[in-house]
């Protein structure tokens, strides 16, 4: 399903995104190094073993980015004018290499755009869960979407 136009959304609508993703060591290593994040918890097996986690901890900004990415196809693909911002990003549980993640989205708010009569603002709440049924990331995303027609 492609993204929806502003006029097609309803407050309270909830989507279970079909695409799931198992996080690999390569995902974590590449993301951490591409973003110049030298945190030993993400890159050093021995340091990670000595931590309270006991193993490599997946970079939380990768988790956040994956959450948004998994939602795009069902929410804003082809209808997005611009992302306006992200709020209340939380990572209440860790993600480890080998975790399989799934995402859900709920429409929190709809607002008319004051400056763009051909668009409106949708605020989504995105959540990501692991295979242990723990929430690993949650955020709100405000997006300026085209109106239909």
N, C-alpha and C. Protein backbone atom coordinates (compact mmCIF):
# COMPACT_ATOMS: atom_id res chain seq x y z
N UNK A 1 0.84 -1.18 0.00
CA UNK A 1 0.00 0.00 0.00
C UNK A 1 0.89 1.24 0.00
N UNK A 2 0.60 2.15 -0.88
CA UNK A 2 1.36 3.41 -0.90
C UNK A 2 0.85 4.32 0.21
N UNK A 3 1.58 5.38 0.48
CA UNK A 3 1.16 6.34 1.50
C UNK A 3 -0.21 6.92 1.19
N UNK A 4 -0.83 7.45 2.21
CA UNK A 4 -2.14 8.06 2.06
C UNK A 4 -2.02 9.58 2.01
N UNK A 5 -3.00 10.20 1.36
CA UNK A 5 -3.09 11.65 1.35
C UNK A 5 -3.66 12.14 2.67
N UNK A 6 -3.44 13.41 2.97
CA UNK A 6 -3.92 14.00 4.22
C UNK A 6 -5.40 13.71 4.44
N UNK A 7 -6.22 13.89 3.41
CA UNK A 7 -7.67 13.74 3.56
C UNK A 7 -8.12 12.30 3.82
N UNK A 8 -7.24 11.33 3.64
CA UNK A 8 -7.60 9.92 3.79
C UNK A 8 -7.36 9.39 5.21
N UNK A 9 -6.68 10.15 6.04
CA UNK A 9 -6.35 9.70 7.39
C UNK A 9 -7.48 10.00 8.36
N UNK A 10 -7.58 9.17 9.41
CA UNK A 10 -8.57 9.34 10.47
C UNK A 10 -7.83 9.23 11.80
N UNK A 11 -8.09 10.14 12.72
CA UNK A 11 -7.47 10.07 14.05
C UNK A 11 -7.85 8.74 14.70
N UNK A 12 -6.85 8.08 15.26
CA UNK A 12 -7.05 6.79 15.90
C UNK A 12 -6.78 5.60 14.98
N UNK A 13 -6.65 5.84 13.70
CA UNK A 13 -6.34 4.76 12.76
C UNK A 13 -5.01 4.13 13.14
N UNK A 14 -4.96 2.79 13.10
CA UNK A 14 -3.75 2.07 13.51
C UNK A 14 -3.34 1.10 12.39
N UNK A 15 -2.04 1.07 12.13
CA UNK A 15 -1.49 0.22 11.09
C UNK A 15 -0.44 -0.70 11.71
N UNK A 16 -0.53 -1.99 11.40
CA UNK A 16 0.54 -2.94 11.71
C UNK A 16 1.33 -3.10 10.42
N UNK A 17 2.54 -2.60 10.39
CA UNK A 17 3.35 -2.64 9.18
C UNK A 17 3.81 -4.08 8.91
N UNK A 18 3.64 -4.51 7.69
CA UNK A 18 3.93 -5.91 7.35
C UNK A 18 5.41 -6.24 7.33
N UNK A 19 6.25 -5.28 6.93
CA UNK A 19 7.68 -5.57 6.84
C UNK A 19 8.28 -5.65 8.24
N UNK A 20 8.98 -6.73 8.50
CA UNK A 20 9.74 -6.91 9.74
C UNK A 20 11.21 -6.94 9.37
N UNK A 21 12.07 -6.77 10.37
CA UNK A 21 13.50 -6.73 10.07
C UNK A 21 14.28 -7.33 11.21
N UNK A 22 15.17 -8.28 10.88
CA UNK A 22 16.10 -8.82 11.86
C UNK A 22 17.38 -8.01 11.76
N UNK A 23 17.82 -7.48 12.90
CA UNK A 23 19.00 -6.62 12.96
C UNK A 23 20.26 -7.48 12.91
N UNK A 24 21.18 -7.11 12.04
CA UNK A 24 22.43 -7.86 11.90
C UNK A 24 23.61 -7.09 12.48
N UNK A 25 24.70 -7.80 12.67
CA UNK A 25 25.93 -7.15 13.13
C UNK A 25 26.39 -6.10 12.12
N UNK A 26 26.22 -6.40 10.84
CA UNK A 26 26.61 -5.46 9.79
C UNK A 26 25.80 -4.17 9.87
N UNK A 27 24.48 -4.29 10.11
CA UNK A 27 23.64 -3.09 10.27
C UNK A 27 24.23 -2.17 11.32
N UNK A 28 24.49 -2.73 12.49
CA UNK A 28 24.96 -1.95 13.63
C UNK A 28 26.35 -1.37 13.38
N UNK A 29 27.24 -2.19 12.83
CA UNK A 29 28.60 -1.75 12.57
C UNK A 29 28.63 -0.64 11.53
N UNK A 30 27.94 -0.83 10.41
CA UNK A 30 27.95 0.19 9.36
C UNK A 30 27.30 1.49 9.82
N UNK A 31 26.15 1.38 10.47
CA UNK A 31 25.46 2.59 10.92
C UNK A 31 26.31 3.36 11.92
N UNK A 32 26.90 2.65 12.87
CA UNK A 32 27.74 3.31 13.88
C UNK A 32 28.96 3.98 13.26
N UNK A 33 29.61 3.29 12.34
CA UNK A 33 30.81 3.88 11.74
C UNK A 33 30.45 4.98 10.73
N UNK A 34 29.36 4.82 9.97
CA UNK A 34 28.96 5.87 9.02
C UNK A 34 28.59 7.16 9.72
N UNK A 35 28.08 7.04 10.95
CA UNK A 35 27.68 8.24 11.69
C UNK A 35 28.75 8.68 12.69
N UNK A 36 29.93 8.09 12.59
CA UNK A 36 31.08 8.44 13.43
C UNK A 36 30.78 8.29 14.92
N UNK A 37 30.04 7.25 15.27
CA UNK A 37 29.73 6.99 16.66
C UNK A 37 30.68 5.91 17.18
N UNK A 38 31.69 6.28 17.98
CA UNK A 38 32.68 5.32 18.44
C UNK A 38 32.32 4.61 19.76
N UNK A 39 31.07 4.68 20.17
CA UNK A 39 30.66 4.09 21.45
C UNK A 39 31.06 2.61 21.52
N UNK A 40 31.91 2.24 22.50
CA UNK A 40 32.34 0.83 22.62
C UNK A 40 31.17 -0.15 22.80
N UNK A 41 30.08 0.28 23.40
CA UNK A 41 28.92 -0.63 23.56
C UNK A 41 28.40 -1.13 22.21
N UNK A 42 28.65 -0.36 21.14
CA UNK A 42 28.18 -0.73 19.81
C UNK A 42 29.23 -1.47 18.99
N UNK A 43 30.52 -1.29 19.32
CA UNK A 43 31.59 -1.75 18.44
C UNK A 43 32.60 -2.71 19.06
N UNK A 44 32.67 -2.78 20.37
CA UNK A 44 33.71 -3.53 21.05
C UNK A 44 33.07 -4.66 21.85
N UNK A 45 33.21 -5.88 21.37
CA UNK A 45 32.57 -7.03 22.01
C UNK A 45 32.99 -7.18 23.47
N UNK A 46 34.27 -6.98 23.75
CA UNK A 46 34.75 -7.15 25.13
C UNK A 46 34.19 -6.07 26.05
N UNK A 47 34.16 -4.84 25.59
CA UNK A 47 33.58 -3.76 26.40
C UNK A 47 32.09 -4.01 26.61
N UNK A 48 31.42 -4.47 25.58
CA UNK A 48 29.99 -4.74 25.69
C UNK A 48 29.72 -5.90 26.65
N UNK A 49 30.55 -6.94 26.62
CA UNK A 49 30.40 -8.06 27.55
C UNK A 49 30.54 -7.60 29.00
N UNK A 50 31.43 -6.62 29.24
CA UNK A 50 31.68 -6.12 30.59
C UNK A 50 30.60 -5.13 31.05
N UNK A 51 29.72 -4.74 30.16
CA UNK A 51 28.66 -3.79 30.52
C UNK A 51 27.48 -4.51 31.16
N UNK A 52 26.52 -3.75 31.59
CA UNK A 52 25.30 -4.32 32.16
C UNK A 52 24.47 -5.08 31.14
N UNK A 53 24.75 -4.90 29.85
CA UNK A 53 24.00 -5.59 28.80
C UNK A 53 24.61 -6.95 28.48
N UNK A 54 25.92 -7.10 28.70
CA UNK A 54 26.57 -8.38 28.48
C UNK A 54 26.81 -8.74 27.02
N UNK A 55 26.45 -7.88 26.13
CA UNK A 55 26.61 -8.14 24.69
C UNK A 55 26.52 -6.81 23.94
N UNK A 56 26.84 -6.85 22.65
CA UNK A 56 26.77 -5.64 21.82
C UNK A 56 25.36 -5.07 21.87
N UNK A 57 25.29 -3.79 22.09
CA UNK A 57 24.02 -3.05 22.11
C UNK A 57 23.89 -2.34 20.76
N UNK A 58 22.76 -2.56 20.08
CA UNK A 58 22.55 -1.92 18.79
C UNK A 58 22.36 -0.42 18.99
N UNK A 59 22.98 0.35 18.14
CA UNK A 59 22.92 1.81 18.17
C UNK A 59 21.45 2.26 18.15
N UNK A 60 21.05 3.04 19.14
CA UNK A 60 19.64 3.43 19.26
C UNK A 60 19.18 4.35 18.12
N UNK A 61 20.12 5.08 17.52
CA UNK A 61 19.70 5.91 16.39
C UNK A 61 19.43 5.06 15.15
N UNK A 62 20.07 3.90 15.05
CA UNK A 62 19.70 2.94 14.00
C UNK A 62 18.29 2.44 14.25
N UNK A 63 17.99 2.08 15.49
CA UNK A 63 16.66 1.59 15.85
C UNK A 63 15.60 2.62 15.49
N UNK A 64 15.83 3.87 15.85
CA UNK A 64 14.90 4.95 15.54
C UNK A 64 14.72 5.10 14.03
N UNK A 65 15.84 5.10 13.29
CA UNK A 65 15.77 5.25 11.84
C UNK A 65 15.04 4.09 11.19
N UNK A 66 15.27 2.89 11.68
CA UNK A 66 14.58 1.71 11.15
C UNK A 66 13.08 1.80 11.40
N UNK A 67 12.71 2.26 12.58
CA UNK A 67 11.29 2.44 12.91
C UNK A 67 10.61 3.36 11.90
N UNK A 68 11.21 4.51 11.65
CA UNK A 68 10.63 5.45 10.69
C UNK A 68 10.61 4.82 9.30
N UNK A 69 11.71 4.19 8.91
CA UNK A 69 11.79 3.58 7.59
C UNK A 69 10.73 2.51 7.36
N UNK A 70 10.49 1.67 8.36
CA UNK A 70 9.47 0.62 8.21
C UNK A 70 8.07 1.19 8.05
N UNK A 71 7.87 2.41 8.51
CA UNK A 71 6.52 3.01 8.46
C UNK A 71 6.24 3.75 7.15
N UNK A 72 7.27 4.15 6.43
CA UNK A 72 7.11 5.05 5.28
C UNK A 72 6.19 4.49 4.20
N UNK A 73 6.37 3.24 3.84
CA UNK A 73 5.58 2.65 2.76
C UNK A 73 4.08 2.73 2.98
N UNK A 74 3.66 2.61 4.21
CA UNK A 74 2.23 2.62 4.54
C UNK A 74 1.70 3.99 4.92
N UNK A 75 2.58 4.95 5.13
CA UNK A 75 2.11 6.24 5.65
C UNK A 75 2.33 7.40 4.69
N UNK A 76 3.55 7.62 4.25
CA UNK A 76 3.86 8.86 3.54
C UNK A 76 4.50 8.67 2.16
N UNK A 77 4.67 7.44 1.71
CA UNK A 77 5.32 7.19 0.42
C UNK A 77 4.49 7.79 -0.71
N UNK A 78 5.06 8.77 -1.39
CA UNK A 78 4.40 9.39 -2.52
C UNK A 78 3.47 10.54 -2.18
N UNK A 79 3.22 10.75 -0.90
CA UNK A 79 2.31 11.83 -0.49
C UNK A 79 2.99 12.87 0.39
N UNK A 80 4.22 12.63 0.77
CA UNK A 80 4.95 13.51 1.68
C UNK A 80 5.42 14.78 0.97
N UNK A 81 5.15 15.92 1.60
CA UNK A 81 5.75 17.17 1.20
C UNK A 81 7.05 17.34 2.00
N UNK A 82 6.95 17.15 3.33
CA UNK A 82 8.13 17.26 4.19
C UNK A 82 7.84 16.67 5.56
N UNK A 83 8.86 16.07 6.17
CA UNK A 83 8.78 15.74 7.58
C UNK A 83 9.01 17.04 8.34
N UNK A 84 8.16 17.31 9.32
CA UNK A 84 8.26 18.56 10.07
C UNK A 84 9.00 18.40 11.38
N UNK A 85 9.07 17.18 11.87
CA UNK A 85 9.81 16.97 13.11
C UNK A 85 9.43 15.69 13.80
N UNK A 86 10.28 15.34 14.78
CA UNK A 86 10.09 14.15 15.60
C UNK A 86 10.10 14.60 17.05
N UNK A 87 9.19 14.07 17.84
CA UNK A 87 9.11 14.40 19.26
C UNK A 87 9.02 13.14 20.09
N UNK A 88 9.38 13.30 21.37
CA UNK A 88 9.19 12.23 22.35
C UNK A 88 9.77 10.90 21.90
N UNK A 89 11.00 10.94 21.39
CA UNK A 89 11.68 9.70 20.99
C UNK A 89 12.19 9.02 22.25
N UNK A 90 11.77 7.78 22.46
CA UNK A 90 12.23 7.01 23.62
C UNK A 90 12.62 5.60 23.17
N UNK A 91 13.59 5.04 23.87
CA UNK A 91 14.03 3.67 23.62
C UNK A 91 13.98 2.92 24.96
N UNK A 92 12.79 2.46 25.35
CA UNK A 92 12.62 1.89 26.69
C UNK A 92 13.27 0.53 26.91
N UNK A 93 13.61 -0.18 25.85
CA UNK A 93 14.28 -1.48 25.98
C UNK A 93 15.38 -1.57 24.93
N UNK A 94 16.46 -2.29 25.24
CA UNK A 94 17.57 -2.37 24.29
C UNK A 94 17.26 -3.27 23.10
N UNK A 95 18.02 -3.04 22.02
CA UNK A 95 17.98 -3.91 20.85
C UNK A 95 19.33 -4.58 20.73
N UNK A 96 19.31 -5.88 20.48
CA UNK A 96 20.54 -6.66 20.33
C UNK A 96 20.61 -7.24 18.93
N UNK A 97 21.81 -7.57 18.51
CA UNK A 97 22.01 -8.21 17.22
C UNK A 97 21.20 -9.51 17.21
N UNK A 98 20.45 -9.71 16.13
CA UNK A 98 19.59 -10.89 16.01
C UNK A 98 18.15 -10.65 16.39
N UNK A 99 17.85 -9.50 16.99
CA UNK A 99 16.45 -9.18 17.31
C UNK A 99 15.67 -8.93 16.03
N UNK A 100 14.44 -9.42 16.00
CA UNK A 100 13.54 -9.17 14.88
C UNK A 100 12.52 -8.13 15.31
N UNK A 101 12.44 -7.05 14.55
CA UNK A 101 11.65 -5.89 14.95
C UNK A 101 10.46 -5.69 14.01
N UNK A 102 9.36 -5.24 14.61
CA UNK A 102 8.14 -4.93 13.85
C UNK A 102 7.63 -3.58 14.29
N UNK A 103 6.88 -2.91 13.40
CA UNK A 103 6.47 -1.54 13.68
C UNK A 103 4.95 -1.38 13.55
N UNK A 104 4.45 -0.43 14.32
CA UNK A 104 3.03 -0.06 14.31
C UNK A 104 2.94 1.46 14.27
N UNK A 105 1.89 1.96 13.67
CA UNK A 105 1.66 3.40 13.61
C UNK A 105 0.22 3.70 13.97
N UNK A 106 0.03 4.79 14.72
CA UNK A 106 -1.32 5.29 15.01
C UNK A 106 -1.36 6.77 14.67
N UNK A 107 -2.48 7.21 14.09
CA UNK A 107 -2.66 8.62 13.78
C UNK A 107 -3.10 9.32 15.06
N UNK A 108 -2.30 10.27 15.50
CA UNK A 108 -2.58 10.98 16.75
C UNK A 108 -3.36 12.27 16.52
N UNK A 109 -3.04 12.98 15.43
CA UNK A 109 -3.67 14.29 15.22
C UNK A 109 -3.64 14.64 13.73
N UNK A 110 -4.69 15.36 13.31
CA UNK A 110 -4.77 15.93 11.96
C UNK A 110 -4.99 17.42 12.09
N UNK A 111 -4.21 18.21 11.30
CA UNK A 111 -4.37 19.67 11.33
C UNK A 111 -4.29 20.22 9.92
N UNK A 112 -5.09 21.20 9.68
CA UNK A 112 -5.01 21.91 8.41
C UNK A 112 -3.71 22.70 8.39
N UNK A 113 -3.11 22.83 7.22
CA UNK A 113 -1.93 23.68 7.09
C UNK A 113 -2.40 25.11 6.86
N UNK A 114 -1.87 26.04 7.65
CA UNK A 114 -2.24 27.45 7.50
C UNK A 114 -1.56 28.08 6.29
N UNK A 115 -0.40 27.56 5.92
CA UNK A 115 0.37 28.17 4.84
C UNK A 115 0.24 27.42 3.50
N UNK A 116 -0.26 26.18 3.55
CA UNK A 116 -0.33 25.37 2.33
C UNK A 116 -1.74 24.77 2.19
N UNK A 117 -2.62 25.41 1.45
CA UNK A 117 -3.98 24.88 1.31
C UNK A 117 -4.05 23.54 0.58
N UNK A 118 -2.96 23.16 -0.11
CA UNK A 118 -2.93 21.89 -0.83
C UNK A 118 -2.37 20.75 0.03
N UNK A 119 -2.18 21.01 1.34
CA UNK A 119 -1.56 20.01 2.22
C UNK A 119 -2.12 20.14 3.64
N UNK A 120 -1.84 19.11 4.44
CA UNK A 120 -2.23 19.12 5.85
C UNK A 120 -1.18 18.39 6.67
N UNK A 121 -1.26 18.56 7.98
CA UNK A 121 -0.27 17.98 8.89
C UNK A 121 -0.87 16.79 9.62
N UNK A 122 -0.18 15.67 9.53
CA UNK A 122 -0.57 14.45 10.25
C UNK A 122 0.51 14.18 11.29
N UNK A 123 0.08 13.94 12.52
CA UNK A 123 1.02 13.53 13.56
C UNK A 123 0.79 12.05 13.83
N UNK A 124 1.84 11.28 13.61
CA UNK A 124 1.81 9.84 13.81
C UNK A 124 2.54 9.49 15.10
N UNK A 125 2.08 8.45 15.78
CA UNK A 125 2.86 7.81 16.83
C UNK A 125 3.34 6.49 16.26
N UNK A 126 4.66 6.33 16.20
CA UNK A 126 5.26 5.09 15.70
C UNK A 126 5.80 4.31 16.89
N UNK A 127 5.63 2.99 16.85
CA UNK A 127 6.20 2.11 17.88
C UNK A 127 6.88 0.93 17.22
N UNK A 128 8.00 0.51 17.82
CA UNK A 128 8.69 -0.69 17.36
C UNK A 128 8.78 -1.68 18.50
N UNK A 129 8.50 -2.94 18.17
CA UNK A 129 8.50 -4.03 19.15
C UNK A 129 9.48 -5.11 18.70
N UNK A 130 10.06 -5.81 19.67
CA UNK A 130 10.93 -6.94 19.34
C UNK A 130 10.17 -8.26 19.44
N UNK A 131 10.87 -9.35 19.20
CA UNK A 131 10.26 -10.68 19.23
C UNK A 131 9.87 -11.12 20.65
N UNK A 132 10.33 -10.40 21.66
CA UNK A 132 9.96 -10.68 23.05
C UNK A 132 8.76 -9.85 23.49
N UNK A 133 8.12 -9.18 22.52
CA UNK A 133 6.96 -8.30 22.77
C UNK A 133 7.28 -7.14 23.70
N UNK A 134 8.49 -6.59 23.56
CA UNK A 134 8.91 -5.41 24.30
C UNK A 134 8.97 -4.23 23.34
N UNK A 135 8.50 -3.07 23.80
CA UNK A 135 8.65 -1.85 22.99
C UNK A 135 10.11 -1.44 23.06
N UNK A 136 10.74 -1.26 21.89
CA UNK A 136 12.15 -0.86 21.86
C UNK A 136 12.34 0.57 21.38
N UNK A 137 11.30 1.16 20.76
CA UNK A 137 11.38 2.55 20.34
C UNK A 137 9.97 3.09 20.11
N UNK A 138 9.79 4.35 20.47
CA UNK A 138 8.51 5.04 20.24
C UNK A 138 8.83 6.49 19.92
N UNK A 139 8.08 7.06 19.00
CA UNK A 139 8.26 8.47 18.69
C UNK A 139 6.99 9.03 18.05
N UNK A 140 6.92 10.35 18.03
CA UNK A 140 5.87 11.04 17.29
C UNK A 140 6.53 11.70 16.09
N UNK A 141 5.87 11.61 14.95
CA UNK A 141 6.38 12.24 13.73
C UNK A 141 5.29 13.12 13.14
N UNK A 142 5.62 14.36 12.89
CA UNK A 142 4.69 15.28 12.21
C UNK A 142 5.13 15.40 10.76
N UNK A 143 4.17 15.17 9.85
CA UNK A 143 4.47 15.17 8.44
C UNK A 143 3.47 16.06 7.69
N UNK A 144 3.98 16.84 6.78
CA UNK A 144 3.14 17.64 5.91
C UNK A 144 2.85 16.79 4.68
N UNK A 145 1.56 16.45 4.49
CA UNK A 145 1.15 15.57 3.41
C UNK A 145 0.28 16.29 2.40
N UNK A 146 0.41 15.88 1.15
CA UNK A 146 -0.43 16.42 0.09
C UNK A 146 -1.89 16.06 0.33
N UNK A 147 -2.78 16.90 -0.15
CA UNK A 147 -4.20 16.57 -0.17
C UNK A 147 -4.47 15.78 -1.45
N UNK A 148 -5.51 14.98 -1.42
CA UNK A 148 -5.88 14.18 -2.59
C UNK A 148 -6.41 15.09 -3.69
N UNK A 149 -5.99 14.80 -4.91
CA UNK A 149 -6.53 15.55 -6.06
C UNK A 149 -5.98 16.87 -6.14
